[in-house]
Amino acid sequence: MDKKIIGAAIKLKRRDKKMRQNELAEKTSLSRNYISDIETGRYMPSVETLAKIATCLGMDLNTLLVSEIQDIISVAD
């Protein structure tokens, strides 16, 4: 899993929901700084944290991970 692609997918979905980082942080009980670090690809969150973020964004964790895999495949082609 590429942490930059995962982070970008989270950021995109959060913005689609018109949600600020601090709102997502509050809903997930994570710090806003940690959300920012995830979105910029600085840190790769645990599967549990990814699931929590995905749920708050109305997203299935599998969808998040599959979209990341599809991006890798399309870059390799």
PDB file of N, CA and C in Angstrom:
ATOM      1  N   MET A   1       0.844  -1.181   0.000  1.00  0.00           N
ATOM      2  CA  MET A   1       0.000   0.000   0.000  1.00  0.00           C
ATOM      3  C   MET A   1       0.887   1.242   0.000  1.00  0.00           C
ATOM      4  N   ASP A   2       0.602   2.135  -0.877  1.00  0.00           N
ATOM      5  CA  ASP A   2       1.352   3.375  -0.965  1.00  0.00           C
ATOM      6  C   ASP A   2       0.677   4.431  -0.091  1.00  0.00           C
ATOM      7  N   LYS A   3       1.388   4.922   0.901  1.00  0.00           N
ATOM      8  CA  LYS A   3       0.796   5.858   1.854  1.00  0.00           C
ATOM      9  C   LYS A   3       0.400   7.190   1.207  1.00  0.00           C
ATOM     10  N   LYS A   4       1.087   7.587   0.152  1.00  0.00           N
ATOM     11  CA  LYS A   4       0.729   8.841  -0.518  1.00  0.00           C
ATOM     12  C   LYS A   4      -0.592   8.699  -1.289  1.00  0.00           C
ATOM     13  N   ILE A   5      -0.785   7.555  -1.919  1.00  0.00           N
ATOM     14  CA  ILE A   5      -2.024   7.328  -2.666  1.00  0.00           C
ATOM     15  C   ILE A   5      -3.203   7.186  -1.700  1.00  0.00           C
ATOM     16  N   ILE A   6      -2.992   6.455  -0.615  1.00  0.00           N
ATOM     17  CA  ILE A   6      -4.039   6.304   0.401  1.00  0.00           C
ATOM     18  C   ILE A   6      -4.396   7.671   0.961  1.00  0.00           C
ATOM     19  N   GLY A   7      -3.395   8.455   1.309  1.00  0.00           N
ATOM     20  CA  GLY A   7      -3.623   9.794   1.858  1.00  0.00           C
ATOM     21  C   GLY A   7      -4.369  10.689   0.894  1.00  0.00           C
ATOM     22  N   ALA A   8      -3.986  10.627  -0.380  1.00  0.00           N
ATOM     23  CA  ALA A   8      -4.664  11.451  -1.396  1.00  0.00           C
ATOM     24  C   ALA A   8      -6.120  11.032  -1.563  1.00  0.00           C
ATOM     25  N   ALA A   9      -6.386   9.734  -1.492  1.00  0.00           N
ATOM     26  CA  ALA A   9      -7.760   9.247  -1.606  1.00  0.00           C
ATOM     27  C   ALA A   9      -8.609   9.722  -0.430  1.00  0.00           C
ATOM     28  N   ILE A  10      -8.033   9.700   0.762  1.00  0.00           N
ATOM     29  CA  ILE A  10      -8.742  10.178   1.953  1.00  0.00           C
ATOM     30  C   ILE A  10      -9.025  11.667   1.825  1.00  0.00           C
ATOM     31  N   LYS A  11      -8.028  12.422   1.409  1.00  0.00           N
ATOM     32  CA  LYS A  11      -8.185  13.869   1.252  1.00  0.00           C
ATOM     33  C   LYS A  11      -9.268  14.194   0.225  1.00  0.00           C
ATOM     34  N   LEU A  12      -9.240  13.498  -0.896  1.00  0.00           N
ATOM     35  CA  LEU A  12     -10.230  13.725  -1.948  1.00  0.00           C
ATOM     36  C   LEU A  12     -11.645  13.444  -1.446  1.00  0.00           C
ATOM     37  N   LYS A  13     -11.819  12.324  -0.765  1.00  0.00           N
ATOM     38  CA  LYS A  13     -13.142  11.972  -0.253  1.00  0.00           C
ATOM     39  C   LYS A  13     -13.590  12.961   0.818  1.00  0.00           C
ATOM     40  N   ARG A  14     -12.674  13.382   1.683  1.00  0.00           N
ATOM     41  CA  ARG A  14     -13.009  14.359   2.725  1.00  0.00           C
ATOM     42  C   ARG A  14     -13.464  15.667   2.087  1.00  0.00           C
ATOM     43  N   ARG A  15     -12.759  16.108   1.069  1.00  0.00           N
ATOM     44  CA  ARG A  15     -13.141  17.356   0.384  1.00  0.00           C
ATOM     45  C   ARG A  15     -14.468  17.198  -0.357  1.00  0.00           C
ATOM     46  N   ASP A  16     -14.701  16.029  -0.946  1.00  0.00           N
ATOM     47  CA  ASP A  16     -15.991  15.769  -1.597  1.00  0.00           C
ATOM     48  C   ASP A  16     -17.139  15.901  -0.609  1.00  0.00           C
ATOM     49  N   LYS A  17     -16.881  15.520   0.634  1.00  0.00           N
ATOM     50  CA  LYS A  17     -17.886  15.604   1.697  1.00  0.00           C
ATOM     51  C   LYS A  17     -17.953  16.998   2.312  1.00  0.00           C
ATOM     52  N   LYS A  18     -17.110  17.908   1.801  1.00  0.00           N
ATOM     53  CA  LYS A  18     -17.023  19.278   2.312  1.00  0.00           C
ATOM     54  C   LYS A  18     -16.743  19.286   3.818  1.00  0.00           C
ATOM     55  N   MET A  19     -15.813  18.431   4.188  1.00  0.00           N
ATOM     56  CA  MET A  19     -15.431  18.274   5.588  1.00  0.00           C
ATOM     57  C   MET A  19     -14.011  18.807   5.783  1.00  0.00           C
ATOM     58  N   ARG A  20     -13.810  19.503   6.867  1.00  0.00           N
ATOM     59  CA  ARG A  20     -12.477  20.004   7.193  1.00  0.00           C
ATOM     60  C   ARG A  20     -11.708  18.939   7.963  1.00  0.00           C
ATOM     61  N   GLN A  21     -10.396  19.086   7.956  1.00  0.00           N
ATOM     62  CA  GLN A  21      -9.567  18.122   8.676  1.00  0.00           C
ATOM     63  C   GLN A  21      -9.946  18.049  10.151  1.00  0.00           C
ATOM     64  N   ASN A  22     -10.228  19.209  10.760  1.00  0.00           N
ATOM     65  CA  ASN A  22     -10.568  19.185  12.179  1.00  0.00           C
ATOM     66  C   ASN A  22     -11.886  18.459  12.436  1.00  0.00           C
ATOM     67  N   GLU A  23     -12.824  18.509  11.489  1.00  0.00           N
ATOM     68  CA  GLU A  23     -14.076  17.766  11.638  1.00  0.00           C
ATOM     69  C   GLU A  23     -13.824  16.258  11.580  1.00  0.00           C
ATOM     70  N   LEU A  24     -13.010  15.829  10.624  1.00  0.00           N
ATOM     71  CA  LEU A  24     -12.677  14.417  10.515  1.00  0.00           C
ATOM     72  C   LEU A  24     -11.912  13.957  11.754  1.00  0.00           C
ATOM     73  N   ALA A  25     -11.014  14.792  12.223  1.00  0.00           N
ATOM     74  CA  ALA A  25     -10.249  14.460  13.426  1.00  0.00           C
ATOM     75  C   ALA A  25     -11.186  14.264  14.618  1.00  0.00           C
ATOM     76  N   GLU A  26     -12.134  15.151  14.759  1.00  0.00           N
ATOM     77  CA  GLU A  26     -13.082  15.056  15.875  1.00  0.00           C
ATOM     78  C   GLU A  26     -13.919  13.783  15.783  1.00  0.00           C
ATOM     79  N   LYS A  27     -14.399  13.470  14.594  1.00  0.00           N
ATOM     80  CA  LYS A  27     -15.244  12.288  14.400  1.00  0.00           C
ATOM     81  C   LYS A  27     -14.485  10.975  14.595  1.00  0.00           C
ATOM     82  N   THR A  28     -13.178  11.002  14.352  1.00  0.00           N
ATOM     83  CA  THR A  28     -12.379   9.786  14.464  1.00  0.00           C
ATOM     84  C   THR A  28     -11.582   9.718  15.768  1.00  0.00           C
ATOM     85  N   SER A  29     -11.661  10.765  16.568  1.00  0.00           N
ATOM     86  CA  SER A  29     -10.875  10.869  17.815  1.00  0.00           C
ATOM     87  C   SER A  29      -9.371  10.849  17.540  1.00  0.00           C
ATOM     88  N   LEU A  30      -8.990  11.408  16.393  1.00  0.00           N
ATOM     89  CA  LEU A  30      -7.579  11.558  16.037  1.00  0.00           C
ATOM     90  C   LEU A  30      -7.248  13.048  16.047  1.00  0.00           C
ATOM     91  N   SER A  31      -5.975  13.383  16.074  1.00  0.00           N
ATOM     92  CA  SER A  31      -5.616  14.803  16.036  1.00  0.00           C
ATOM     93  C   SER A  31      -5.679  15.315  14.596  1.00  0.00           C
ATOM     94  N   ARG A  32      -5.911  16.609  14.448  1.00  0.00           N
ATOM     95  CA  ARG A  32      -5.933  17.216  13.130  1.00  0.00           C
ATOM     96  C   ARG A  32      -4.561  17.087  12.471  1.00  0.00           C
ATOM     97  N   ASN A  33      -3.508  17.207  13.267  1.00  0.00           N
ATOM     98  CA  ASN A  33      -2.156  17.067  12.717  1.00  0.00           C
ATOM     99  C   ASN A  33      -1.928  15.671  12.156  1.00  0.00           C
ATOM    100  N   TYR A  34      -2.460  14.658  12.838  1.00  0.00           N
ATOM    101  CA  TYR A  34      -2.287  13.285  12.360  1.00  0.00           C
ATOM    102  C   TYR A  34      -3.062  13.081  11.058  1.00  0.00           C
ATOM    103  N   ILE A  35      -4.267  13.634  10.974  1.00  0.00           N
ATOM    104  CA  ILE A  35      -5.050  13.557   9.728  1.00  0.00           C
ATOM    105  C   ILE A  35      -4.252  14.205   8.596  1.00  0.00           C
ATOM    106  N   SER A  36      -3.682  15.357   8.859  1.00  0.00           N
ATOM    107  CA  SER A  36      -2.868  16.048   7.853  1.00  0.00           C
ATOM    108  C   SER A  36      -1.678  15.193   7.427  1.00  0.00           C
ATOM    109  N   ASP A  37      -1.011  14.588   8.402  1.00  0.00           N
ATOM    110  CA  ASP A  37       0.150  13.742   8.089  1.00  0.00           C
ATOM    111  C   ASP A  37      -0.245  12.527   7.254  1.00  0.00           C
ATOM    112  N   ILE A  38      -1.417  11.970   7.510  1.00  0.00           N
ATOM    113  CA  ILE A  38      -1.913  10.846   6.711  1.00  0.00           C
ATOM    114  C   ILE A  38      -2.182  11.310   5.287  1.00  0.00           C
ATOM    115  N   GLU A  39      -2.883  12.434   5.156  1.00  0.00           N
ATOM    116  CA  GLU A  39      -3.260  12.935   3.831  1.00  0.00           C
ATOM    117  C   GLU A  39      -2.052  13.320   2.983  1.00  0.00           C
ATOM    118  N   THR A  40      -0.997  13.767   3.604  1.00  0.00           N
ATOM    119  CA  THR A  40       0.196  14.151   2.843  1.00  0.00           C
ATOM    120  C   THR A  40       1.145  12.988   2.618  1.00  0.00           C
ATOM    121  N   GLY A  41       0.802  11.816   3.169  1.00  0.00           N
ATOM    122  CA  GLY A  41       1.627  10.635   2.964  1.00  0.00           C
ATOM    123  C   GLY A  41       2.809  10.530   3.903  1.00  0.00           C
ATOM    124  N   ARG A  42       2.803  11.324   4.950  1.00  0.00           N
ATOM    125  CA  ARG A  42       3.905  11.256   5.915  1.00  0.00           C
ATOM    126  C   ARG A  42       3.821   9.989   6.751  1.00  0.00           C
ATOM    127  N   TYR A  43       2.591   9.604   7.130  1.00  0.00           N
ATOM    128  CA  TYR A  43       2.393   8.400   7.931  1.00  0.00           C
ATOM    129  C   TYR A  43       1.402   7.469   7.268  1.00  0.00           C
ATOM    130  N   MET A  44       1.607   6.175   7.486  1.00  0.00           N
ATOM    131  CA  MET A  44       0.655   5.161   7.058  1.00  0.00           C
ATOM    132  C   MET A  44      -0.087   4.702   8.307  1.00  0.00           C
ATOM    133  N   PRO A  45      -1.378   4.985   8.377  1.00  0.00           N
ATOM    134  CA  PRO A  45      -2.136   4.585   9.565  1.00  0.00           C
ATOM    135  C   PRO A  45      -2.350   3.073   9.606  1.00  0.00           C
ATOM    136  N   SER A  46      -2.679   2.594  10.784  1.00  0.00           N
ATOM    137  CA  SER A  46      -2.999   1.175  10.940  1.00  0.00           C
ATOM    138  C   SER A  46      -4.291   0.862  10.193  1.00  0.00           C
ATOM    139  N   VAL A  47      -4.542  -0.406   9.986  1.00  0.00           N
ATOM    140  CA  VAL A  47      -5.783  -0.821   9.326  1.00  0.00           C
ATOM    141  C   VAL A  47      -6.984  -0.361  10.151  1.00  0.00           C
ATOM    142  N   GLU A  48      -6.873  -0.436  11.470  1.00  0.00           N
ATOM    143  CA  GLU A  48      -7.968  -0.004  12.338  1.00  0.00           C
ATOM    144  C   GLU A  48      -8.257   1.486  12.154  1.00  0.00           C
ATOM    145  N   THR A  49      -7.204   2.285  12.061  1.00  0.00           N
ATOM    146  CA  THR A  49      -7.376   3.727  11.864  1.00  0.00           C
ATOM    147  C   THR A  49      -7.938   4.009  10.473  1.00  0.00           C
ATOM    148  N   LEU A  50      -7.454   3.304   9.466  1.00  0.00           N
ATOM    149  CA  LEU A  50      -7.995   3.460   8.111  1.00  0.00           C
ATOM    150  C   LEU A  50      -9.487   3.123   8.086  1.00  0.00           C
ATOM    151  N   ALA A  51      -9.866   2.071   8.792  1.00  0.00           N
ATOM    152  CA  ALA A  51     -11.279   1.678   8.841  1.00  0.00           C
ATOM    153  C   ALA A  51     -12.112   2.759   9.510  1.00  0.00           C
ATOM    154  N   LYS A  52     -11.595   3.344  10.562  1.00  0.00           N
ATOM    155  CA  LYS A  52     -12.303   4.408  11.277  1.00  0.00           C
ATOM    156  C   LYS A  52     -12.497   5.628  10.375  1.00  0.00           C
ATOM    157  N   ILE A  53     -11.446   6.006   9.660  1.00  0.00           N
ATOM    158  CA  ILE A  53     -11.523   7.152   8.743  1.00  0.00           C
ATOM    159  C   ILE A  53     -12.499   6.854   7.610  1.00  0.00           C
ATOM    160  N   ALA A  54     -12.393   5.670   7.022  1.00  0.00           N
ATOM    161  CA  ALA A  54     -13.276   5.291   5.921  1.00  0.00           C
ATOM    162  C   ALA A  54     -14.737   5.337   6.359  1.00  0.00           C
ATOM    163  N   THR A  55     -15.033   4.820   7.540  1.00  0.00           N
ATOM    164  CA  THR A  55     -16.402   4.832   8.056  1.00  0.00           C
ATOM    165  C   THR A  55     -16.914   6.253   8.216  1.00  0.00           C
ATOM    166  N   CYS A  56     -16.096   7.125   8.769  1.00  0.00           N
ATOM    167  CA  CYS A  56     -16.508   8.524   8.954  1.00  0.00           C
ATOM    168  C   CYS A  56     -16.736   9.250   7.632  1.00  0.00           C
ATOM    169  N   LEU A  57     -16.068   8.787   6.596  1.00  0.00           N
ATOM    170  CA  LEU A  57     -16.226   9.404   5.275  1.00  0.00           C
ATOM    171  C   LEU A  57     -17.300   8.703   4.437  1.00  0.00           C
ATOM    172  N   GLY A  58     -17.976   7.727   5.050  1.00  0.00           N
ATOM    173  CA  GLY A  58     -19.023   7.006   4.325  1.00  0.00           C
ATOM    174  C   GLY A  58     -18.458   6.124   3.237  1.00  0.00           C
ATOM    175  N   MET A  59     -17.299   5.595   3.497  1.00  0.00           N
ATOM    176  CA  MET A  59     -16.546   4.843   2.509  1.00  0.00           C
ATOM    177  C   MET A  59     -16.243   3.457   3.069  1.00  0.00           C
ATOM    178  N   ASP A  60     -16.263   2.462   2.247  1.00  0.00           N
ATOM    179  CA  ASP A  60     -15.880   1.125   2.663  1.00  0.00           C
ATOM    180  C   ASP A  60     -14.364   1.011   2.603  1.00  0.00           C
ATOM    181  N   LEU A  61     -13.764   0.387   3.610  1.00  0.00           N
ATOM    182  CA  LEU A  61     -12.304   0.240   3.627  1.00  0.00           C
ATOM    183  C   LEU A  61     -11.815  -0.492   2.387  1.00  0.00           C
ATOM    184  N   ASN A  62     -12.536  -1.504   1.958  1.00  0.00           N
ATOM    185  CA  ASN A  62     -12.130  -2.239   0.752  1.00  0.00           C
ATOM    186  C   ASN A  62     -12.098  -1.336  -0.469  1.00  0.00           C
ATOM    187  N   THR A  63     -13.053  -0.430  -0.565  1.00  0.00           N
ATOM    188  CA  THR A  63     -13.092   0.505  -1.689  1.00  0.00           C
ATOM    189  C   THR A  63     -11.848   1.392  -1.685  1.00  0.00           C
ATOM    190  N   LEU A  64     -11.480   1.856  -0.507  1.00  0.00           N
ATOM    191  CA  LEU A  64     -10.284   2.687  -0.382  1.00  0.00           C
ATOM    192  C   LEU A  64      -9.049   1.918  -0.832  1.00  0.00           C
ATOM    193  N   LEU A  65      -8.902   0.695  -0.381  1.00  0.00           N
ATOM    194  CA  LEU A  65      -7.731  -0.096  -0.724  1.00  0.00           C
ATOM    195  C   LEU A  65      -7.747  -0.548  -2.176  1.00  0.00           C
ATOM    196  N   VAL A  66      -8.902  -0.890  -2.707  1.00  0.00           N
ATOM    197  CA  VAL A  66      -9.001  -1.308  -4.106  1.00  0.00           C
ATOM    198  C   VAL A  66      -8.686  -0.147  -5.027  1.00  0.00           C
ATOM    199  N   SER A  67      -9.157   1.051  -4.702  1.00  0.00           N
ATOM    200  CA  SER A  67      -8.855   2.205  -5.559  1.00  0.00           C
ATOM    201  C   SER A  67      -7.356   2.466  -5.570  1.00  0.00           C
ATOM    202  N   GLU A  68      -6.687   2.216  -4.439  1.00  0.00           N
ATOM    203  CA  GLU A  68      -5.248   2.392  -4.368  1.00  0.00           C
ATOM    204  C   GLU A  68      -4.548   1.364  -5.254  1.00  0.00           C
ATOM    205  N   ILE A  69      -5.010   0.139  -5.244  1.00  0.00           N
ATOM    206  CA  ILE A  69      -4.430  -0.916  -6.078  1.00  0.00           C
ATOM    207  C   ILE A  69      -4.656  -0.610  -7.555  1.00  0.00           C
ATOM    208  N   GLN A  70      -5.847  -0.128  -7.902  1.00  0.00           N
ATOM    209  CA  GLN A  70      -6.145   0.207  -9.297  1.00  0.00           C
ATOM    210  C   GLN A  70      -5.239   1.325  -9.799  1.00  0.00           C
ATOM    211  N   ASP A  71      -4.948   2.310  -8.912  1.00  0.00           N
ATOM    212  CA  ASP A  71      -4.043   3.377  -9.304  1.00  0.00           C
ATOM    213  C   ASP A  71      -2.651   2.847  -9.606  1.00  0.00           C
ATOM    214  N   ILE A  72      -2.190   1.904  -8.800  1.00  0.00           N
ATOM    215  CA  ILE A  72      -0.861   1.322  -9.017  1.00  0.00           C
ATOM    216  C   ILE A  72      -0.827   0.564 -10.336  1.00  0.00           C
ATOM    217  N   ILE A  73      -1.872  -0.207 -10.615  1.00  0.00           N
ATOM    218  CA  ILE A  73      -1.941  -0.987 -11.860  1.00  0.00           C
ATOM    219  C   ILE A  73      -1.943  -0.050 -13.068  1.00  0.00           C
ATOM    220  N   SER A  74      -2.722   1.023 -13.011  1.00  0.00           N
ATOM    221  CA  SER A  74      -2.800   1.930 -14.156  1.00  0.00           C
ATOM    222  C   SER A  74      -1.475   2.654 -14.390  1.00  0.00           C
ATOM    223  N   VAL A  75      -0.730   2.905 -13.335  1.00  0.00           N
ATOM    224  CA  VAL A  75       0.587   3.540 -13.493  1.00  0.00           C
ATOM    225  C   VAL A  75       1.566   2.559 -14.123  1.00  0.00           C
ATOM    226  N   ALA A  76       1.446   1.272 -13.781  1.00  0.00           N
ATOM    227  CA  ALA A  76       2.353   0.256 -14.301  1.00  0.00           C
ATOM    228  C   ALA A  76       2.097  -0.061 -15.773  1.00  0.00           C
ATOM    229  N   ASP A  77       0.888   0.174 -16.262  1.00  0.00           N
ATOM    230  CA  ASP A  77       0.547  -0.149 -17.663  1.00  0.00           C
ATOM    231  C   ASP A  77       1.194   0.783 -18.653  1.00  0.00           C
TER     232      ASP A  77
END
